[in-house]
Structures are given as structure tokens and as C-alpha cells.
Amino acid sequence: MAAASAMEVPGSTPTPSVPFYDSVDIFHLNSEPVYDVYDDDEDGDSSQQAVVLAADKNYYPTAEEMYGPGMEALVMDEVEQPLEQPIVADALALLEEMRGKGYHAD
């Protein structure tokens, strides 16, 4: 049986001969720090990272941007049919109206 060295404990795994580094040190031994690698802003202009409020964002173009400055775009918010008039006319009233105009067969 071979004699154990002073660094090894019987029954344990041997210690590697290379020094132990955590994953950050292994990948960044000879490189710039991470915050400098991804910093594309060389001249100090931070306008691309400015905070923009949700109300100030422009998701869709305006009618003038879409159709040009000389065009008129109408946006109708309400229907033209009054609430008192039903969407589907009463069948009997329609039949009486047709009889009154002479559209019936004798």
C-alpha cells in the first residue's frame, strides 16, 4: 500500500493539481469586466436608455402620418341608427308596409 501524502486524506478524492476557480473567474481571466464589454455608449450619450412613459409611446402612426398631410380621415364613434329603431324590423310591420304600397299578390 502506497503511503499517503500530507495533502491527501485516506478515503477522500485526491485534490486536483490545478487551482480551483469559480465559473466567473474561469471565463473572465484575461478579459475586460462584463460591464465594459457590453457598453456600446462610448461618448456618454444615454438617450437610447431614457425612460419613456407609456402614455408618450407611439405604437401606431397617426392618420396624417399614414395618409399624408392633405387627406381627411373620419373616425365615427357612434352608429347612425337611433336606439329607438330596432336593428331587425318587425316582420308584421314590414308586411303591413308592403301591403300598403301595393307589393302584394291578389
PDB file of N, CA and C in Angstrom:
ATOM      1  N   MET A   1       0.851  -1.162   0.000  1.00  0.00           N
ATOM      2  CA  MET A   1       0.000   0.000   0.000  1.00  0.00           C
ATOM      3  C   MET A   1       0.892   1.218   0.000  1.00  0.00           C
ATOM      4  N   ALA A   2       0.554   2.150  -0.863  1.00  0.00           N
ATOM      5  CA  ALA A   2       1.384   3.347  -1.002  1.00  0.00           C
ATOM      6  C   ALA A   2       1.109   4.293   0.142  1.00  0.00           C
ATOM      7  N   ALA A   3       2.118   5.000   0.517  1.00  0.00           N
ATOM      8  CA  ALA A   3       1.968   5.958   1.614  1.00  0.00           C
ATOM      9  C   ALA A   3       1.221   7.180   1.130  1.00  0.00           C
ATOM     10  N   ALA A   4       0.283   7.661   1.926  1.00  0.00           N
ATOM     11  CA  ALA A   4      -0.494   8.845   1.566  1.00  0.00           C
ATOM     12  C   ALA A   4       0.339  10.080   1.794  1.00  0.00           C
ATOM     13  N   SER A   5       0.209  11.017   0.881  1.00  0.00           N
ATOM     14  CA  SER A   5       0.949  12.266   1.052  1.00  0.00           C
ATOM     15  C   SER A   5       0.303  13.097   2.150  1.00  0.00           C
ATOM     16  N   ALA A   6       0.952  14.159   2.533  1.00  0.00           N
ATOM     17  CA  ALA A   6       0.462  15.007   3.621  1.00  0.00           C
ATOM     18  C   ALA A   6      -0.828  15.724   3.244  1.00  0.00           C
ATOM     19  N   MET A   7      -1.080  15.944   1.919  1.00  0.00           N
ATOM     20  CA  MET A   7      -2.264  16.680   1.479  1.00  0.00           C
ATOM     21  C   MET A   7      -3.486  15.779   1.337  1.00  0.00           C
ATOM     22  N   GLU A   8      -3.292  14.485   1.190  1.00  0.00           N
ATOM     23  CA  GLU A   8      -4.412  13.592   0.943  1.00  0.00           C
ATOM     24  C   GLU A   8      -4.892  12.954   2.230  1.00  0.00           C
ATOM     25  N   VAL A   9      -6.194  12.810   2.309  1.00  0.00           N
ATOM     26  CA  VAL A   9      -6.819  12.141   3.443  1.00  0.00           C
ATOM     27  C   VAL A   9      -7.303  10.791   2.936  1.00  0.00           C
ATOM     28  N   PRO A  10      -7.001   9.708   3.653  1.00  0.00           N
ATOM     29  CA  PRO A  10      -7.446   8.394   3.194  1.00  0.00           C
ATOM     30  C   PRO A  10      -8.966   8.346   3.073  1.00  0.00           C
ATOM     31  N   GLY A  11      -9.469   7.766   1.964  1.00  0.00           N
ATOM     32  CA  GLY A  11     -10.899   7.636   1.733  1.00  0.00           C
ATOM     33  C   GLY A  11     -11.525   8.838   1.047  1.00  0.00           C
ATOM     34  N   SER A  12     -10.774   9.879   0.740  1.00  0.00           N
ATOM     35  CA  SER A  12     -11.325  11.053   0.058  1.00  0.00           C
ATOM     36  C   SER A  12     -10.781  11.103  -1.363  1.00  0.00           C
ATOM     37  N   THR A  13     -11.372  11.928  -2.167  1.00  0.00           N
ATOM     38  CA  THR A  13     -10.890  12.083  -3.543  1.00  0.00           C
ATOM     39  C   THR A  13      -9.636  12.931  -3.535  1.00  0.00           C
ATOM     40  N   PRO A  14      -8.710  12.653  -4.438  1.00  0.00           N
ATOM     41  CA  PRO A  14      -7.470  13.435  -4.456  1.00  0.00           C
ATOM     42  C   PRO A  14      -7.726  14.881  -4.860  1.00  0.00           C
ATOM     43  N   THR A  15      -6.939  15.781  -4.359  1.00  0.00           N
ATOM     44  CA  THR A  15      -7.041  17.196  -4.668  1.00  0.00           C
ATOM     45  C   THR A  15      -6.456  17.444  -6.052  1.00  0.00           C
ATOM     46  N   PRO A  16      -7.149  18.188  -6.918  1.00  0.00           N
ATOM     47  CA  PRO A  16      -6.589  18.444  -8.252  1.00  0.00           C
ATOM     48  C   PRO A  16      -5.331  19.294  -8.148  1.00  0.00           C
ATOM     49  N   SER A  17      -4.453  19.112  -9.134  1.00  0.00           N
ATOM     50  CA  SER A  17      -3.189  19.841  -9.098  1.00  0.00           C
ATOM     51  C   SER A  17      -3.333  21.281  -9.576  1.00  0.00           C
ATOM     52  N   VAL A  18      -4.431  21.605 -10.298  1.00  0.00           N
ATOM     53  CA  VAL A  18      -4.644  22.980 -10.759  1.00  0.00           C
ATOM     54  C   VAL A  18      -5.455  23.729  -9.715  1.00  0.00           C
ATOM     55  N   PRO A  19      -5.250  25.006  -9.573  1.00  0.00           N
ATOM     56  CA  PRO A  19      -6.033  25.751  -8.582  1.00  0.00           C
ATOM     57  C   PRO A  19      -7.503  25.804  -8.975  1.00  0.00           C
ATOM     58  N   PHE A  20      -8.372  25.851  -7.984  1.00  0.00           N
ATOM     59  CA  PHE A  20      -9.812  25.889  -8.219  1.00  0.00           C
ATOM     60  C   PHE A  20     -10.261  27.330  -8.461  1.00  0.00           C
ATOM     61  N   TYR A  21     -11.015  27.527  -9.543  1.00  0.00           N
ATOM     62  CA  TYR A  21     -11.601  28.833  -9.853  1.00  0.00           C
ATOM     63  C   TYR A  21     -13.101  28.646  -9.988  1.00  0.00           C
ATOM     64  N   ASP A  22     -13.853  29.631  -9.569  1.00  0.00           N
ATOM     65  CA  ASP A  22     -15.287  29.550  -9.808  1.00  0.00           C
ATOM     66  C   ASP A  22     -15.560  29.902 -11.266  1.00  0.00           C
ATOM     67  N   SER A  23     -16.791  29.707 -11.723  1.00  0.00           N
ATOM     68  CA  SER A  23     -17.103  29.847 -13.146  1.00  0.00           C
ATOM     69  C   SER A  23     -16.859  31.262 -13.658  1.00  0.00           C
ATOM     70  N   VAL A  24     -17.029  32.275 -12.838  1.00  0.00           N
ATOM     71  CA  VAL A  24     -16.802  33.651 -13.278  1.00  0.00           C
ATOM     72  C   VAL A  24     -15.328  33.872 -13.567  1.00  0.00           C
ATOM     73  N   ASP A  25     -14.466  33.383 -12.690  1.00  0.00           N
ATOM     74  CA  ASP A  25     -13.029  33.562 -12.899  1.00  0.00           C
ATOM     75  C   ASP A  25     -12.524  32.779 -14.101  1.00  0.00           C
ATOM     76  N   ILE A  26     -13.077  31.602 -14.361  1.00  0.00           N
ATOM     77  CA  ILE A  26     -12.623  30.798 -15.492  1.00  0.00           C
ATOM     78  C   ILE A  26     -12.899  31.523 -16.799  1.00  0.00           C
ATOM     79  N   PHE A  27     -14.057  32.127 -16.935  1.00  0.00           N
ATOM     80  CA  PHE A  27     -14.429  32.747 -18.198  1.00  0.00           C
ATOM     81  C   PHE A  27     -13.919  34.172 -18.349  1.00  0.00           C
ATOM     82  N   HIS A  28     -13.473  34.801 -17.300  1.00  0.00           N
ATOM     83  CA  HIS A  28     -13.056  36.198 -17.382  1.00  0.00           C
ATOM     84  C   HIS A  28     -11.641  36.421 -16.853  1.00  0.00           C
ATOM     85  N   LEU A  29     -10.752  35.448 -17.045  1.00  0.00           N
ATOM     86  CA  LEU A  29      -9.394  35.594 -16.533  1.00  0.00           C
ATOM     87  C   LEU A  29      -8.631  36.713 -17.222  1.00  0.00           C
ATOM     88  N   ASN A  30      -8.671  36.749 -18.550  1.00  0.00           N
ATOM     89  CA  ASN A  30      -7.877  37.726 -19.295  1.00  0.00           C
ATOM     90  C   ASN A  30      -8.761  38.630 -20.148  1.00  0.00           C
ATOM     91  N   SER A  31      -9.921  39.012 -19.666  1.00  0.00           N
ATOM     92  CA  SER A  31     -10.808  39.864 -20.454  1.00  0.00           C
ATOM     93  C   SER A  31     -11.224  41.073 -19.627  1.00  0.00           C
ATOM     94  N   GLU A  32     -11.887  41.985 -20.306  1.00  0.00           N
ATOM     95  CA  GLU A  32     -12.383  43.182 -19.635  1.00  0.00           C
ATOM     96  C   GLU A  32     -13.562  42.805 -18.744  1.00  0.00           C
ATOM     97  N   PRO A  33     -13.885  43.617 -17.778  1.00  0.00           N
ATOM     98  CA  PRO A  33     -15.077  43.338 -16.966  1.00  0.00           C
ATOM     99  C   PRO A  33     -16.332  43.333 -17.831  1.00  0.00           C
ATOM    100  N   VAL A  34     -17.355  42.631 -17.382  1.00  0.00           N
ATOM    101  CA  VAL A  34     -18.571  42.444 -18.163  1.00  0.00           C
ATOM    102  C   VAL A  34     -19.246  43.768 -18.482  1.00  0.00           C
ATOM    103  N   TYR A  35     -19.284  44.694 -17.544  1.00  0.00           N
ATOM    104  CA  TYR A  35     -19.979  45.956 -17.793  1.00  0.00           C
ATOM    105  C   TYR A  35     -19.265  46.796 -18.835  1.00  0.00           C
ATOM    106  N   ASP A  36     -17.976  46.620 -19.034  1.00  0.00           N
ATOM    107  CA  ASP A  36     -17.270  47.344 -20.095  1.00  0.00           C
ATOM    108  C   ASP A  36     -17.415  46.656 -21.441  1.00  0.00           C
ATOM    109  N   VAL A  37     -17.561  45.341 -21.459  1.00  0.00           N
ATOM    110  CA  VAL A  37     -17.680  44.609 -22.715  1.00  0.00           C
ATOM    111  C   VAL A  37     -18.972  44.978 -23.426  1.00  0.00           C
ATOM    112  N   TYR A  38     -20.061  45.102 -22.690  1.00  0.00           N
ATOM    113  CA  TYR A  38     -21.355  45.360 -23.299  1.00  0.00           C
ATOM    114  C   TYR A  38     -21.699  46.839 -23.355  1.00  0.00           C
ATOM    115  N   ASP A  39     -20.813  47.711 -22.992  1.00  0.00           N
ATOM    116  CA  ASP A  39     -21.062  49.147 -23.007  1.00  0.00           C
ATOM    117  C   ASP A  39     -20.727  49.695 -24.384  1.00  0.00           C
ATOM    118  N   ASP A  40     -21.755  49.895 -25.227  1.00  0.00           N
ATOM    119  CA  ASP A  40     -21.556  50.427 -26.573  1.00  0.00           C
ATOM    120  C   ASP A  40     -21.567  51.940 -26.596  1.00  0.00           C
ATOM    121  N   ASP A  41     -21.917  52.566 -25.496  1.00  0.00           N
ATOM    122  CA  ASP A  41     -22.069  54.013 -25.431  1.00  0.00           C
ATOM    123  C   ASP A  41     -20.714  54.647 -25.120  1.00  0.00           C
ATOM    124  N   GLU A  42     -19.936  54.935 -26.151  1.00  0.00           N
ATOM    125  CA  GLU A  42     -18.577  55.449 -25.960  1.00  0.00           C
ATOM    126  C   GLU A  42     -18.550  56.932 -25.595  1.00  0.00           C
ATOM    127  N   ASP A  43     -19.451  57.732 -26.184  1.00  0.00           N
ATOM    128  CA  ASP A  43     -19.389  59.177 -25.979  1.00  0.00           C
ATOM    129  C   ASP A  43     -20.273  59.667 -24.827  1.00  0.00           C
ATOM    130  N   GLY A  44     -20.880  58.780 -24.086  1.00  0.00           N
ATOM    131  CA  GLY A  44     -21.646  59.188 -22.912  1.00  0.00           C
ATOM    132  C   GLY A  44     -23.071  59.600 -23.210  1.00  0.00           C
ATOM    133  N   ASP A  45     -23.561  59.397 -24.419  1.00  0.00           N
ATOM    134  CA  ASP A  45     -24.925  59.763 -24.775  1.00  0.00           C
ATOM    135  C   ASP A  45     -25.860  58.651 -24.313  1.00  0.00           C
ATOM    136  N   SER A  46     -26.735  58.956 -23.391  1.00  0.00           N
ATOM    137  CA  SER A  46     -27.633  57.935 -22.854  1.00  0.00           C
ATOM    138  C   SER A  46     -29.066  58.151 -23.320  1.00  0.00           C
ATOM    139  N   SER A  47     -29.270  58.714 -24.505  1.00  0.00           N
ATOM    140  CA  SER A  47     -30.622  58.974 -24.986  1.00  0.00           C
ATOM    141  C   SER A  47     -31.344  57.686 -25.352  1.00  0.00           C
ATOM    142  N   GLN A  48     -30.621  56.644 -25.704  1.00  0.00           N
ATOM    143  CA  GLN A  48     -31.269  55.386 -26.051  1.00  0.00           C
ATOM    144  C   GLN A  48     -31.799  54.670 -24.823  1.00  0.00           C
ATOM    145  N   GLN A  49     -31.289  54.975 -23.669  1.00  0.00           N
ATOM    146  CA  GLN A  49     -31.724  54.317 -22.457  1.00  0.00           C
ATOM    147  C   GLN A  49     -32.612  55.224 -21.614  1.00  0.00           C
ATOM    148  N   ALA A  50     -33.152  56.272 -22.202  1.00  0.00           N
ATOM    149  CA  ALA A  50     -34.004  57.195 -21.459  1.00  0.00           C
ATOM    150  C   ALA A  50     -35.328  56.514 -21.123  1.00  0.00           C
ATOM    151  N   VAL A  51     -35.927  56.891 -20.019  1.00  0.00           N
ATOM    152  CA  VAL A  51     -37.205  56.344 -19.596  1.00  0.00           C
ATOM    153  C   VAL A  51     -38.310  57.051 -20.365  1.00  0.00           C
ATOM    154  N   VAL A  52     -39.188  56.262 -21.005  1.00  0.00           N
ATOM    155  CA  VAL A  52     -40.306  56.807 -21.766  1.00  0.00           C
ATOM    156  C   VAL A  52     -41.588  56.318 -21.108  1.00  0.00           C
ATOM    157  N   LEU A  53     -42.470  57.249 -20.789  1.00  0.00           N
ATOM    158  CA  LEU A  53     -43.738  56.891 -20.171  1.00  0.00           C
ATOM    159  C   LEU A  53     -44.621  56.153 -21.166  1.00  0.00           C
ATOM    160  N   ALA A  54     -45.492  55.298 -20.667  1.00  0.00           N
ATOM    161  CA  ALA A  54     -46.376  54.528 -21.538  1.00  0.00           C
ATOM    162  C   ALA A  54     -47.312  55.448 -22.315  1.00  0.00           C
ATOM    163  N   ALA A  55     -47.730  56.556 -21.725  1.00  0.00           N
ATOM    164  CA  ALA A  55     -48.627  57.487 -22.410  1.00  0.00           C
ATOM    165  C   ALA A  55     -47.917  58.220 -23.543  1.00  0.00           C
ATOM    166  N   ASP A  56     -46.593  58.317 -23.488  1.00  0.00           N
ATOM    167  CA  ASP A  56     -45.845  59.033 -24.515  1.00  0.00           C
ATOM    168  C   ASP A  56     -45.370  58.137 -25.651  1.00  0.00           C
ATOM    169  N   LYS A  57     -45.558  56.835 -25.545  1.00  0.00           N
ATOM    170  CA  LYS A  57     -45.106  55.924 -26.595  1.00  0.00           C
ATOM    171  C   LYS A  57     -46.019  56.035 -27.805  1.00  0.00           C
ATOM    172  N   ASN A  58     -45.459  55.884 -28.981  1.00  0.00           N
ATOM    173  CA  ASN A  58     -46.213  55.955 -30.225  1.00  0.00           C
ATOM    174  C   ASN A  58     -46.199  54.567 -30.856  1.00  0.00           C
ATOM    175  N   TYR A  59     -47.275  53.783 -30.632  1.00  0.00           N
ATOM    176  CA  TYR A  59     -47.339  52.426 -31.143  1.00  0.00           C
ATOM    177  C   TYR A  59     -47.797  52.383 -32.594  1.00  0.00           C
ATOM    178  N   TYR A  60     -48.718  53.259 -32.973  1.00  0.00           N
ATOM    179  CA  TYR A  60     -49.281  53.268 -34.315  1.00  0.00           C
ATOM    180  C   TYR A  60     -49.138  54.665 -34.908  1.00  0.00           C
ATOM    181  N   PRO A  61     -48.990  54.770 -36.230  1.00  0.00           N
ATOM    182  CA  PRO A  61     -48.876  56.097 -36.842  1.00  0.00           C
ATOM    183  C   PRO A  61     -50.215  56.830 -36.792  1.00  0.00           C
ATOM    184  N   THR A  62     -50.156  58.146 -36.776  1.00  0.00           N
ATOM    185  CA  THR A  62     -51.380  58.944 -36.800  1.00  0.00           C
ATOM    186  C   THR A  62     -51.960  58.913 -38.207  1.00  0.00           C
ATOM    187  N   ALA A  63     -53.198  59.407 -38.356  1.00  0.00           N
ATOM    188  CA  ALA A  63     -53.838  59.419 -39.672  1.00  0.00           C
ATOM    189  C   ALA A  63     -53.054  60.299 -40.637  1.00  0.00           C
ATOM    190  N   GLU A  64     -52.516  61.401 -40.153  1.00  0.00           N
ATOM    191  CA  GLU A  64     -51.736  62.290 -41.016  1.00  0.00           C
ATOM    192  C   GLU A  64     -50.443  61.614 -41.470  1.00  0.00           C
ATOM    193  N   GLU A  65     -49.794  60.881 -40.576  1.00  0.00           N
ATOM    194  CA  GLU A  65     -48.583  60.156 -40.961  1.00  0.00           C
ATOM    195  C   GLU A  65     -48.898  59.031 -41.938  1.00  0.00           C
ATOM    196  N   MET A  66     -50.066  58.408 -41.796  1.00  0.00           N
ATOM    197  CA  MET A  66     -50.428  57.271 -42.635  1.00  0.00           C
ATOM    198  C   MET A  66     -50.877  57.707 -44.027  1.00  0.00           C
ATOM    199  N   TYR A  67     -51.756  58.704 -44.111  1.00  0.00           N
ATOM    200  CA  TYR A  67     -52.369  59.070 -45.385  1.00  0.00           C
ATOM    201  C   TYR A  67     -51.827  60.355 -45.983  1.00  0.00           C
ATOM    202  N   GLY A  68     -51.020  61.095 -45.277  1.00  0.00           N
ATOM    203  CA  GLY A  68     -50.458  62.327 -45.803  1.00  0.00           C
ATOM    204  C   GLY A  68     -51.102  63.544 -45.185  1.00  0.00           C
ATOM    205  N   PRO A  69     -50.476  64.713 -45.332  1.00  0.00           N
ATOM    206  CA  PRO A  69     -50.985  65.919 -44.660  1.00  0.00           C
ATOM    207  C   PRO A  69     -52.255  66.488 -45.277  1.00  0.00           C
ATOM    208  N   GLY A  70     -52.550  66.224 -46.552  1.00  0.00           N
ATOM    209  CA  GLY A  70     -53.713  66.831 -47.186  1.00  0.00           C
ATOM    210  C   GLY A  70     -54.972  66.000 -47.113  1.00  0.00           C
ATOM    211  N   MET A  71     -54.935  64.825 -46.530  1.00  0.00           N
ATOM    212  CA  MET A  71     -56.086  63.931 -46.515  1.00  0.00           C
ATOM    213  C   MET A  71     -56.904  64.127 -45.244  1.00  0.00           C
ATOM    214  N   GLU A  72     -58.189  63.811 -45.342  1.00  0.00           N
ATOM    215  CA  GLU A  72     -59.080  63.900 -44.196  1.00  0.00           C
ATOM    216  C   GLU A  72     -59.501  62.485 -43.798  1.00  0.00           C
ATOM    217  N   ALA A  73     -59.331  62.148 -42.565  1.00  0.00           N
ATOM    218  CA  ALA A  73     -59.723  60.834 -42.055  1.00  0.00           C
ATOM    219  C   ALA A  73     -60.826  61.024 -41.032  1.00  0.00           C
ATOM    220  N   LEU A  74     -61.946  60.335 -41.233  1.00  0.00           N
ATOM    221  CA  LEU A  74     -63.078  60.431 -40.319  1.00  0.00           C
ATOM    222  C   LEU A  74     -63.091  59.220 -39.399  1.00  0.00           C
ATOM    223  N   VAL A  75     -63.277  59.467 -38.135  1.00  0.00           N
ATOM    224  CA  VAL A  75     -63.409  58.404 -37.149  1.00  0.00           C
ATOM    225  C   VAL A  75     -64.786  58.546 -36.535  1.00  0.00           C
ATOM    226  N   MET A  76     -65.632  57.541 -36.751  1.00  0.00           N
ATOM    227  CA  MET A  76     -67.000  57.591 -36.240  1.00  0.00           C
ATOM    228  C   MET A  76     -67.081  56.733 -34.992  1.00  0.00           C
ATOM    229  N   ASP A  77     -67.468  57.358 -33.887  1.00  0.00           N
ATOM    230  CA  ASP A  77     -67.544  56.654 -32.620  1.00  0.00           C
ATOM    231  C   ASP A  77     -68.930  56.071 -32.347  1.00  0.00           C
ATOM    232  N   GLU A  78     -69.966  56.623 -32.966  1.00  0.00           N
ATOM    233  CA  GLU A  78     -71.323  56.180 -32.694  1.00  0.00           C
ATOM    234  C   GLU A  78     -71.985  55.727 -33.988  1.00  0.00           C
ATOM    235  N   VAL A  79     -72.936  54.825 -33.867  1.00  0.00           N
ATOM    236  CA  VAL A  79     -73.680  54.372 -35.037  1.00  0.00           C
ATOM    237  C   VAL A  79     -74.721  55.423 -35.395  1.00  0.00           C
ATOM    238  N   GLU A  80     -75.112  55.440 -36.654  1.00  0.00           N
ATOM    239  CA  GLU A  80     -76.067  56.452 -37.107  1.00  0.00           C
ATOM    240  C   GLU A  80     -77.511  56.029 -36.871  1.00  0.00           C
ATOM    241  N   GLN A  81     -77.745  54.755 -36.598  1.00  0.00           N
ATOM    242  CA  GLN A  81     -79.102  54.286 -36.367  1.00  0.00           C
ATOM    243  C   GLN A  81     -79.518  54.638 -34.945  1.00  0.00           C
ATOM    244  N   PRO A  82     -80.674  55.304 -34.756  1.00  0.00           N
ATOM    245  CA  PRO A  82     -81.099  55.682 -33.407  1.00  0.00           C
ATOM    246  C   PRO A  82     -81.465  54.449 -32.576  1.00  0.00           C
ATOM    247  N   LEU A  83     -81.419  54.605 -31.258  1.00  0.00           N
ATOM    248  CA  LEU A  83     -81.716  53.492 -30.363  1.00  0.00           C
ATOM    249  C   LEU A  83     -83.185  53.082 -30.409  1.00  0.00           C
ATOM    250  N   GLU A  84     -84.071  53.999 -30.783  1.00  0.00           N
ATOM    251  CA  GLU A  84     -85.497  53.696 -30.831  1.00  0.00           C
ATOM    252  C   GLU A  84     -85.840  52.771 -31.990  1.00  0.00           C
ATOM    253  N   GLN A  85     -85.050  52.746 -33.026  1.00  0.00           N
ATOM    254  CA  GLN A  85     -85.304  51.907 -34.196  1.00  0.00           C
ATOM    255  C   GLN A  85     -84.598  50.566 -33.993  1.00  0.00           C
ATOM    256  N   PRO A  86     -85.347  49.453 -34.036  1.00  0.00           N
ATOM    257  CA  PRO A  86     -84.717  48.153 -33.830  1.00  0.00           C
ATOM    258  C   PRO A  86     -83.800  47.782 -34.997  1.00  0.00           C
ATOM    259  N   ILE A  87     -82.823  46.948 -34.690  1.00  0.00           N
ATOM    260  CA  ILE A  87     -81.891  46.522 -35.736  1.00  0.00           C
ATOM    261  C   ILE A  87     -82.616  45.652 -36.754  1.00  0.00           C
ATOM    262  N   VAL A  88     -83.439  44.718 -36.283  1.00  0.00           N
ATOM    263  CA  VAL A  88     -84.248  43.878 -37.169  1.00  0.00           C
ATOM    264  C   VAL A  88     -85.683  44.391 -37.069  1.00  0.00           C
ATOM    265  N   ALA A  89     -86.206  44.802 -38.200  1.00  0.00           N
ATOM    266  CA  ALA A  89     -87.562  45.356 -38.203  1.00  0.00           C
ATOM    267  C   ALA A  89     -88.579  44.252 -37.914  1.00  0.00           C
ATOM    268  N   ASP A  90     -89.699  44.646 -37.312  1.00  0.00           N
ATOM    269  CA  ASP A  90     -90.769  43.709 -37.004  1.00  0.00           C
ATOM    270  C   ASP A  90     -91.336  43.160 -38.311  1.00  0.00           C
ATOM    271  N   ALA A  91     -91.487  41.854 -38.396  1.00  0.00           N
ATOM    272  CA  ALA A  91     -91.929  41.217 -39.638  1.00  0.00           C
ATOM    273  C   ALA A  91     -93.361  41.620 -39.990  1.00  0.00           C
ATOM    274  N   LEU A  92     -94.248  41.721 -38.990  1.00  0.00           N
ATOM    275  CA  LEU A  92     -95.630  42.095 -39.279  1.00  0.00           C
ATOM    276  C   LEU A  92     -95.720  43.540 -39.754  1.00  0.00           C
ATOM    277  N   ALA A  93     -94.950  44.436 -39.157  1.00  0.00           N
ATOM    278  CA  ALA A  93     -94.965  45.829 -39.587  1.00  0.00           C
ATOM    279  C   ALA A  93     -94.436  45.947 -41.010  1.00  0.00           C
ATOM    280  N   LEU A  94     -93.451  45.156 -41.351  1.00  0.00           N
ATOM    281  CA  LEU A  94     -92.907  45.176 -42.705  1.00  0.00           C
ATOM    282  C   LEU A  94     -93.943  44.654 -43.701  1.00  0.00           C
ATOM    283  N   LEU A  95     -94.694  43.611 -43.314  1.00  0.00           N
ATOM    284  CA  LEU A  95     -95.733  43.059 -44.174  1.00  0.00           C
ATOM    285  C   LEU A  95     -96.844  44.080 -44.401  1.00  0.00           C
ATOM    286  N   GLU A  96     -97.265  44.788 -43.355  1.00  0.00           N
ATOM    287  CA  GLU A  96     -98.295  45.822 -43.496  1.00  0.00           C
ATOM    288  C   GLU A  96     -97.804  46.964 -44.374  1.00  0.00           C
ATOM    289  N   GLU A  97     -96.534  47.312 -44.232  1.00  0.00           N
ATOM    290  CA  GLU A  97     -95.979  48.383 -45.058  1.00  0.00           C
ATOM    291  C   GLU A  97     -95.956  47.975 -46.530  1.00  0.00           C
ATOM    292  N   MET A  98     -95.643  46.714 -46.791  1.00  0.00           N
ATOM    293  CA  MET A  98     -95.613  46.238 -48.174  1.00  0.00           C
ATOM    294  C   MET A  98     -97.024  46.181 -48.758  1.00  0.00           C
ATOM    295  N   ARG A  99     -98.026  45.796 -47.943  1.00  0.00           N
ATOM    296  CA  ARG A  99     -99.409  45.761 -48.429  1.00  0.00           C
ATOM    297  C   ARG A  99     -99.906  47.163 -48.751  1.00  0.00           C
ATOM    298  N   GLY A 100     -99.501  48.115 -47.946  1.00  0.00           N
ATOM    299  CA  GLY A 100     -99.933  49.487 -48.168  1.00  0.00           C
ATOM    300  C   GLY A 100     -99.356  50.076 -49.446  1.00  0.00           C
ATOM    301  N   LYS A 101     -98.191  49.623 -49.867  1.00  0.00           N
ATOM    302  CA  LYS A 101     -97.567  50.141 -51.078  1.00  0.00           C
ATOM    303  C   LYS A 101     -97.961  49.357 -52.326  1.00  0.00           C
ATOM    304  N   GLY A 102     -98.735  48.275 -52.154  1.00  0.00           N
ATOM    305  CA  GLY A 102     -99.199  47.527 -53.311  1.00  0.00           C
ATOM    306  C   GLY A 102     -98.243  46.450 -53.771  1.00  0.00           C
ATOM    307  N   TYR A 103     -97.435  45.924 -52.884  1.00  0.00           N
ATOM    308  CA  TYR A 103     -96.488  44.876 -53.261  1.00  0.00           C
ATOM    309  C   TYR A 103     -97.046  43.468 -53.017  1.00  0.00           C
ATOM    310  N   HIS A 104     -98.331  43.336 -52.807  1.00  0.00           N
ATOM    311  CA  HIS A 104     -98.880  42.016 -52.501  1.00  0.00           C
ATOM    312  C   HIS A 104     -99.621  41.460 -53.709  1.00  0.00           C
ATOM    313  N   ALA A 105     -99.733  40.131 -53.730  1.00  0.00           N
ATOM    314  CA  ALA A 105    -100.440  39.466 -54.835  1.00  0.00           C
ATOM    315  C   ALA A 105    -101.907  39.323 -54.450  1.00  0.00           C
ATOM    316  N   ASP A 106    -102.814  39.446 -55.427  1.00  0.00           N
ATOM    317  CA  ASP A 106    -104.251  39.315 -55.150  1.00  0.00           C
ATOM    318  C   ASP A 106    -104.703  37.911 -55.251  1.00  0.00           C
TER     319      ASP A 106
END
